[in-house]
């Protein structure tokens, strides 16, 4: 019986005969992972930007976002709902009225009871002002050095439409609700909701 010779396998020229072929679809899977990582990074950046804009801790900010998400289907616009609650914080109101140059400064002032809400001192920065509330600088604080040029500086301030400012008395009445359109934060809020919905 004649001995048959087996023909050795020859790989195409320039190809490693022992190299494993990539399983079908591996390239697409890598693209998906890259895209997901890119989307995550973008949503993280947007979350950080809005959180830092209002000067909140992660725990505080997450609470606002989750609170807005829980109202999905019950409110017309959850993005508007989120911004509304951020804007109604007493420290933000103080900042919007021009009493402080930064939200960090306004938070410190609120902490030290510089302001009255409806005639009563409030030292909670997260306090949510309501319609018809009157926010006023305490009479005893008006003499402080930091407020030396306040009356002049107030003339340059354009308060939000939902706050009716009396620049002579250094107080403001809440006459409406803040809106997303007016606040106009420089972020894509839908990505922030996606970040916390993962």
C-alpha atoms as a PDB file:
ATOM      1  CA  UNK A   1       0.000   0.000   0.000  1.00  0.00           C
ATOM      2  CA  UNK A   2       1.419   3.295  -1.122  1.00  0.00           C
ATOM      3  CA  UNK A   3       2.177   5.808   1.567  1.00  0.00           C
ATOM      4  CA  UNK A   4       0.292   9.042   1.137  1.00  0.00           C
ATOM      5  CA  UNK A   5       2.000  12.270   1.952  1.00  0.00           C
ATOM      6  CA  UNK A   6       0.066  14.975   3.773  1.00  0.00           C
ATOM      7  CA  UNK A   7       0.456  18.442   2.337  1.00  0.00           C
ATOM      8  CA  UNK A   8       1.519  20.905   5.030  1.00  0.00           C
ATOM      9  CA  UNK A   9      -0.781  23.909   5.584  1.00  0.00           C
ATOM     10  CA  UNK A  10       0.547  27.084   4.085  1.00  0.00           C
ATOM     11  CA  UNK A  11      -0.715  30.421   5.312  1.00  0.00           C
ATOM     12  CA  UNK A  12      -1.218  33.177   2.752  1.00  0.00           C
ATOM     13  CA  UNK A  13       1.906  35.216   2.169  1.00  0.00           C
ATOM     14  CA  UNK A  14       2.565  37.745   4.952  1.00  0.00           C
ATOM     15  CA  UNK A  15       0.071  36.138   7.380  1.00  0.00           C
ATOM     16  CA  UNK A  16       0.996  34.462  10.647  1.00  0.00           C
ATOM     17  CA  UNK A  17      -0.300  30.866  10.444  1.00  0.00           C
ATOM     18  CA  UNK A  18      -0.787  30.774  14.209  1.00  0.00           C
ATOM     19  CA  UNK A  19      -2.568  34.098  14.551  1.00  0.00           C
ATOM     20  CA  UNK A  20      -6.138  33.666  15.804  1.00  0.00           C
ATOM     21  CA  UNK A  21      -8.859  35.225  13.742  1.00  0.00           C
ATOM     22  CA  UNK A  22     -10.868  37.814  15.630  1.00  0.00           C
ATOM     23  CA  UNK A  23     -14.360  36.531  16.300  1.00  0.00           C
ATOM     24  CA  UNK A  24     -17.056  38.043  14.093  1.00  0.00           C
ATOM     25  CA  UNK A  25     -18.338  41.345  15.371  1.00  0.00           C
ATOM     26  CA  UNK A  26     -15.440  42.100  17.731  1.00  0.00           C
ATOM     27  CA  UNK A  27     -14.773  45.395  15.958  1.00  0.00           C
ATOM     28  CA  UNK A  28     -18.384  46.458  16.344  1.00  0.00           C
ATOM     29  CA  UNK A  29     -18.331  45.515  20.018  1.00  0.00           C
ATOM     30  CA  UNK A  30     -15.229  47.640  20.585  1.00  0.00           C
ATOM     31  CA  UNK A  31     -16.929  50.590  18.875  1.00  0.00           C
ATOM     32  CA  UNK A  32     -19.975  50.157  21.111  1.00  0.00           C
ATOM     33  CA  UNK A  33     -17.810  50.121  24.228  1.00  0.00           C
ATOM     34  CA  UNK A  34     -15.929  53.228  23.057  1.00  0.00           C
ATOM     35  CA  UNK A  35     -19.197  55.013  22.300  1.00  0.00           C
ATOM     36  CA  UNK A  36     -20.651  54.043  25.708  1.00  0.00           C
ATOM     37  CA  UNK A  37     -17.512  55.283  27.483  1.00  0.00           C
ATOM     38  CA  UNK A  38     -17.671  58.544  25.539  1.00  0.00           C
ATOM     39  CA  UNK A  39     -21.365  59.040  26.419  1.00  0.00           C
ATOM     40  CA  UNK A  40     -20.660  58.281  30.080  1.00  0.00           C
ATOM     41  CA  UNK A  41     -17.823  60.829  30.124  1.00  0.00           C
ATOM     42  CA  UNK A  42     -20.044  63.487  28.555  1.00  0.00           C
ATOM     43  CA  UNK A  43     -22.932  62.884  30.988  1.00  0.00           C
ATOM     44  CA  UNK A  44     -20.460  62.925  33.911  1.00  0.00           C
ATOM     45  CA  UNK A  45     -19.088  66.267  32.733  1.00  0.00           C
ATOM     46  CA  UNK A  46     -22.585  67.753  32.437  1.00  0.00           C
ATOM     47  CA  UNK A  47     -23.496  66.486  35.904  1.00  0.00           C
ATOM     48  CA  UNK A  48     -20.345  67.948  37.416  1.00  0.00           C
ATOM     49  CA  UNK A  49     -20.876  71.272  35.637  1.00  0.00           C
ATOM     50  CA  UNK A  50     -24.421  71.807  36.977  1.00  0.00           C
ATOM     51  CA  UNK A  51     -23.525  70.515  40.446  1.00  0.00           C
ATOM     52  CA  UNK A  52     -20.554  72.892  40.653  1.00  0.00           C
ATOM     53  CA  UNK A  53     -22.554  75.795  39.221  1.00  0.00           C
ATOM     54  CA  UNK A  54     -24.889  75.656  42.229  1.00  0.00           C
ATOM     55  CA  UNK A  55     -22.067  74.671  44.594  1.00  0.00           C
ATOM     56  CA  UNK A  56     -23.669  71.456  45.817  1.00  0.00           C
ATOM     57  CA  UNK A  57     -22.242  68.238  47.205  1.00  0.00           C
ATOM     58  CA  UNK A  58     -22.826  65.006  45.287  1.00  0.00           C
ATOM     59  CA  UNK A  59     -25.361  63.858  47.893  1.00  0.00           C
ATOM     60  CA  UNK A  60     -27.332  67.117  47.696  1.00  0.00           C
ATOM     61  CA  UNK A  61     -27.307  67.250  43.915  1.00  0.00           C
ATOM     62  CA  UNK A  62     -28.319  63.606  43.506  1.00  0.00           C
ATOM     63  CA  UNK A  63     -31.287  64.221  45.808  1.00  0.00           C
ATOM     64  CA  UNK A  64     -32.538  67.039  43.558  1.00  0.00           C
ATOM     65  CA  UNK A  65     -32.103  64.943  40.403  1.00  0.00           C
ATOM     66  CA  UNK A  66     -33.821  61.874  41.881  1.00  0.00           C
ATOM     67  CA  UNK A  67     -36.642  64.087  43.162  1.00  0.00           C
ATOM     68  CA  UNK A  68     -37.208  65.460  39.660  1.00  0.00           C
ATOM     69  CA  UNK A  69     -37.060  61.991  38.076  1.00  0.00           C
ATOM     70  CA  UNK A  70     -39.683  60.700  40.507  1.00  0.00           C
ATOM     71  CA  UNK A  71     -42.090  63.290  39.095  1.00  0.00           C
ATOM     72  CA  UNK A  72     -41.666  62.068  35.525  1.00  0.00           C
ATOM     73  CA  UNK A  73     -45.091  61.683  33.970  1.00  0.00           C
ATOM     74  CA  UNK A  74     -46.653  63.930  36.598  1.00  0.00           C
ATOM     75  CA  UNK A  75     -45.002  67.179  35.507  1.00  0.00           C
ATOM     76  CA  UNK A  76     -44.747  68.668  32.044  1.00  0.00           C
ATOM     77  CA  UNK A  77     -40.956  68.948  32.018  1.00  0.00           C
ATOM     78  CA  UNK A  78     -38.591  67.222  34.468  1.00  0.00           C
ATOM     79  CA  UNK A  79     -35.652  69.414  33.410  1.00  0.00           C
ATOM     80  CA  UNK A  80     -37.700  72.470  34.332  1.00  0.00           C
ATOM     81  CA  UNK A  81     -38.612  70.790  37.629  1.00  0.00           C
ATOM     82  CA  UNK A  82     -34.958  70.199  38.518  1.00  0.00           C
ATOM     83  CA  UNK A  83     -33.872  73.759  37.728  1.00  0.00           C
ATOM     84  CA  UNK A  84     -36.874  75.191  39.567  1.00  0.00           C
ATOM     85  CA  UNK A  85     -35.800  73.566  42.826  1.00  0.00           C
ATOM     86  CA  UNK A  86     -32.165  74.571  42.376  1.00  0.00           C
ATOM     87  CA  UNK A  87     -33.156  78.172  41.678  1.00  0.00           C
ATOM     88  CA  UNK A  88     -35.520  78.377  44.664  1.00  0.00           C
ATOM     89  CA  UNK A  89     -32.762  77.608  47.153  1.00  0.00           C
ATOM     90  CA  UNK A  90     -32.339  80.583  49.473  1.00  0.00           C
ATOM     91  CA  UNK A  91     -28.594  80.830  48.800  1.00  0.00           C
ATOM     92  CA  UNK A  92     -29.296  81.001  45.067  1.00  0.00           C
ATOM     93  CA  UNK A  93     -32.005  83.644  45.567  1.00  0.00           C
ATOM     94  CA  UNK A  94     -29.560  85.774  47.565  1.00  0.00           C
ATOM     95  CA  UNK A  95     -27.037  85.393  44.720  1.00  0.00           C
ATOM     96  CA  UNK A  96     -29.610  86.205  42.012  1.00  0.00           C
ATOM     97  CA  UNK A  97     -30.655  89.357  43.854  1.00  0.00           C
ATOM     98  CA  UNK A  98     -27.079  90.628  43.854  1.00  0.00           C
ATOM     99  CA  UNK A  99     -26.433  90.513  47.593  1.00  0.00           C
ATOM    100  CA  UNK A 100     -23.402  88.295  46.924  1.00  0.00           C
ATOM    101  CA  UNK A 101     -20.999  88.019  44.012  1.00  0.00           C
ATOM    102  CA  UNK A 102     -20.842  84.217  44.189  1.00  0.00           C
ATOM    103  CA  UNK A 103     -23.103  81.432  45.401  1.00  0.00           C
ATOM    104  CA  UNK A 104     -20.389  80.380  47.863  1.00  0.00           C
ATOM    105  CA  UNK A 105     -20.512  83.843  49.412  1.00  0.00           C
ATOM    106  CA  UNK A 106     -24.311  83.857  49.510  1.00  0.00           C
ATOM    107  CA  UNK A 107     -24.304  80.444  51.210  1.00  0.00           C
ATOM    108  CA  UNK A 108     -21.965  81.774  53.883  1.00  0.00           C
ATOM    109  CA  UNK A 109     -24.224  84.789  54.440  1.00  0.00           C
ATOM    110  CA  UNK A 110     -27.289  82.584  54.804  1.00  0.00           C
ATOM    111  CA  UNK A 111     -25.414  80.328  57.221  1.00  0.00           C
ATOM    112  CA  UNK A 112     -24.679  83.391  59.368  1.00  0.00           C
ATOM    113  CA  UNK A 113     -28.346  84.488  59.366  1.00  0.00           C
ATOM    114  CA  UNK A 114     -27.903  87.633  57.272  1.00  0.00           C
ATOM    115  CA  UNK A 115     -31.387  87.287  55.787  1.00  0.00           C
ATOM    116  CA  UNK A 116     -35.004  87.205  56.850  1.00  0.00           C
ATOM    117  CA  UNK A 117     -37.755  85.301  55.111  1.00  0.00           C
ATOM    118  CA  UNK A 118     -41.146  86.794  55.925  1.00  0.00           C
ATOM    119  CA  UNK A 119     -39.566  88.643  58.860  1.00  0.00           C
ATOM    120  CA  UNK A 120     -37.914  85.564  60.382  1.00  0.00           C
ATOM    121  CA  UNK A 121     -34.198  84.707  60.216  1.00  0.00           C
ATOM    122  CA  UNK A 122     -33.387  81.650  58.112  1.00  0.00           C
ATOM    123  CA  UNK A 123     -29.913  80.102  58.169  1.00  0.00           C
ATOM    124  CA  UNK A 124     -30.551  77.105  55.891  1.00  0.00           C
ATOM    125  CA  UNK A 125     -29.046  77.599  52.379  1.00  0.00           C
ATOM    126  CA  UNK A 126     -31.272  74.877  50.884  1.00  0.00           C
ATOM    127  CA  UNK A 127     -34.457  76.519  52.189  1.00  0.00           C
ATOM    128  CA  UNK A 128     -36.990  76.599  49.329  1.00  0.00           C
ATOM    129  CA  UNK A 129     -38.594  80.004  48.924  1.00  0.00           C
ATOM    130  CA  UNK A 130     -42.282  79.945  48.009  1.00  0.00           C
ATOM    131  CA  UNK A 131     -44.540  82.321  46.120  1.00  0.00           C
ATOM    132  CA  UNK A 132     -45.262  85.550  48.094  1.00  0.00           C
ATOM    133  CA  UNK A 133     -42.250  84.966  50.384  1.00  0.00           C
ATOM    134  CA  UNK A 134     -40.301  88.139  51.138  1.00  0.00           C
ATOM    135  CA  UNK A 135     -36.512  87.810  51.381  1.00  0.00           C
ATOM    136  CA  UNK A 136     -34.800  90.763  53.067  1.00  0.00           C
ATOM    137  CA  UNK A 137     -31.348  91.687  54.313  1.00  0.00           C
ATOM    138  CA  UNK A 138     -31.350  92.127  58.098  1.00  0.00           C
ATOM    139  CA  UNK A 139     -31.276  95.753  59.199  1.00  0.00           C
ATOM    140  CA  UNK A 140     -28.327  95.072  61.522  1.00  0.00           C
ATOM    141  CA  UNK A 141     -26.294  93.581  58.639  1.00  0.00           C
ATOM    142  CA  UNK A 142     -26.729  96.554  56.287  1.00  0.00           C
ATOM    143  CA  UNK A 143     -23.960  98.432  58.126  1.00  0.00           C
ATOM    144  CA  UNK A 144     -21.353  95.762  57.398  1.00  0.00           C
ATOM    145  CA  UNK A 145     -18.398  96.787  55.232  1.00  0.00           C
ATOM    146  CA  UNK A 146     -19.228  94.220  52.517  1.00  0.00           C
ATOM    147  CA  UNK A 147     -22.509  96.041  51.887  1.00  0.00           C
ATOM    148  CA  UNK A 148     -20.937  99.517  51.788  1.00  0.00           C
ATOM    149  CA  UNK A 149     -21.584  99.952  48.041  1.00  0.00           C
ATOM    150  CA  UNK A 150     -24.551  97.590  47.833  1.00  0.00           C
ATOM    151  CA  UNK A 151     -27.203 100.194  46.963  1.00  0.00           C
ATOM    152  CA  UNK A 152     -25.108 101.439  44.019  1.00  0.00           C
ATOM    153  CA  UNK A 153     -24.309  97.895  42.867  1.00  0.00           C
ATOM    154  CA  UNK A 154     -27.976  96.900  43.093  1.00  0.00           C
ATOM    155  CA  UNK A 155     -28.806  99.387  40.324  1.00  0.00           C
ATOM    156  CA  UNK A 156     -26.807  97.257  37.895  1.00  0.00           C
ATOM    157  CA  UNK A 157     -28.547  94.018  38.913  1.00  0.00           C
ATOM    158  CA  UNK A 158     -31.330  92.624  36.757  1.00  0.00           C
ATOM    159  CA  UNK A 159     -33.237  90.234  39.038  1.00  0.00           C
ATOM    160  CA  UNK A 160     -35.109  87.256  37.538  1.00  0.00           C
ATOM    161  CA  UNK A 161     -38.730  87.991  36.586  1.00  0.00           C
ATOM    162  CA  UNK A 162     -40.006  85.711  39.352  1.00  0.00           C
ATOM    163  CA  UNK A 163     -38.380  87.935  41.990  1.00  0.00           C
ATOM    164  CA  UNK A 164     -39.744  91.448  42.504  1.00  0.00           C
ATOM    165  CA  UNK A 165     -36.840  93.427  43.900  1.00  0.00           C
ATOM    166  CA  UNK A 166     -37.186  96.569  46.020  1.00  0.00           C
ATOM    167  CA  UNK A 167     -33.706  98.079  45.706  1.00  0.00           C
ATOM    168  CA  UNK A 168     -34.367 100.793  48.267  1.00  0.00           C
ATOM    169  CA  UNK A 169     -35.511  98.429  51.020  1.00  0.00           C
ATOM    170  CA  UNK A 170     -33.031  95.718  49.943  1.00  0.00           C
ATOM    171  CA  UNK A 171     -35.708  93.060  49.850  1.00  0.00           C
ATOM    172  CA  UNK A 172     -37.534  91.006  47.255  1.00  0.00           C
ATOM    173  CA  UNK A 173     -40.884  89.274  46.969  1.00  0.00           C
ATOM    174  CA  UNK A 174     -41.322  85.950  45.191  1.00  0.00           C
ATOM    175  CA  UNK A 175     -43.994  86.613  42.571  1.00  0.00           C
ATOM    176  CA  UNK A 176     -43.698  83.505  40.404  1.00  0.00           C
ATOM    177  CA  UNK A 177     -41.739  80.338  39.656  1.00  0.00           C
ATOM    178  CA  UNK A 178     -38.251  80.111  38.161  1.00  0.00           C
ATOM    179  CA  UNK A 179     -38.045  78.504  34.724  1.00  0.00           C
ATOM    180  CA  UNK A 180     -35.436  76.544  32.812  1.00  0.00           C
ATOM    181  CA  UNK A 181     -35.621  79.052  29.949  1.00  0.00           C
ATOM    182  CA  UNK A 182     -34.747  81.996  32.174  1.00  0.00           C
ATOM    183  CA  UNK A 183     -32.089  80.242  34.280  1.00  0.00           C
ATOM    184  CA  UNK A 184     -30.595  78.803  31.073  1.00  0.00           C
ATOM    185  CA  UNK A 185     -27.845  76.657  32.671  1.00  0.00           C
ATOM    186  CA  UNK A 186     -25.012  75.887  30.193  1.00  0.00           C
ATOM    187  CA  UNK A 187     -25.538  72.114  30.311  1.00  0.00           C
ATOM    188  CA  UNK A 188     -27.541  69.373  28.614  1.00  0.00           C
ATOM    189  CA  UNK A 189     -29.816  68.291  31.446  1.00  0.00           C
ATOM    190  CA  UNK A 190     -31.096  65.162  29.657  1.00  0.00           C
ATOM    191  CA  UNK A 191     -27.565  63.718  29.919  1.00  0.00           C
ATOM    192  CA  UNK A 192     -27.590  64.341  33.676  1.00  0.00           C
ATOM    193  CA  UNK A 193     -30.795  62.333  34.001  1.00  0.00           C
ATOM    194  CA  UNK A 194     -29.200  59.564  31.923  1.00  0.00           C
ATOM    195  CA  UNK A 195     -26.186  59.528  34.249  1.00  0.00           C
ATOM    196  CA  UNK A 196     -28.347  58.885  37.327  1.00  0.00           C
ATOM    197  CA  UNK A 197     -30.612  56.416  35.493  1.00  0.00           C
ATOM    198  CA  UNK A 198     -27.807  53.984  34.659  1.00  0.00           C
END
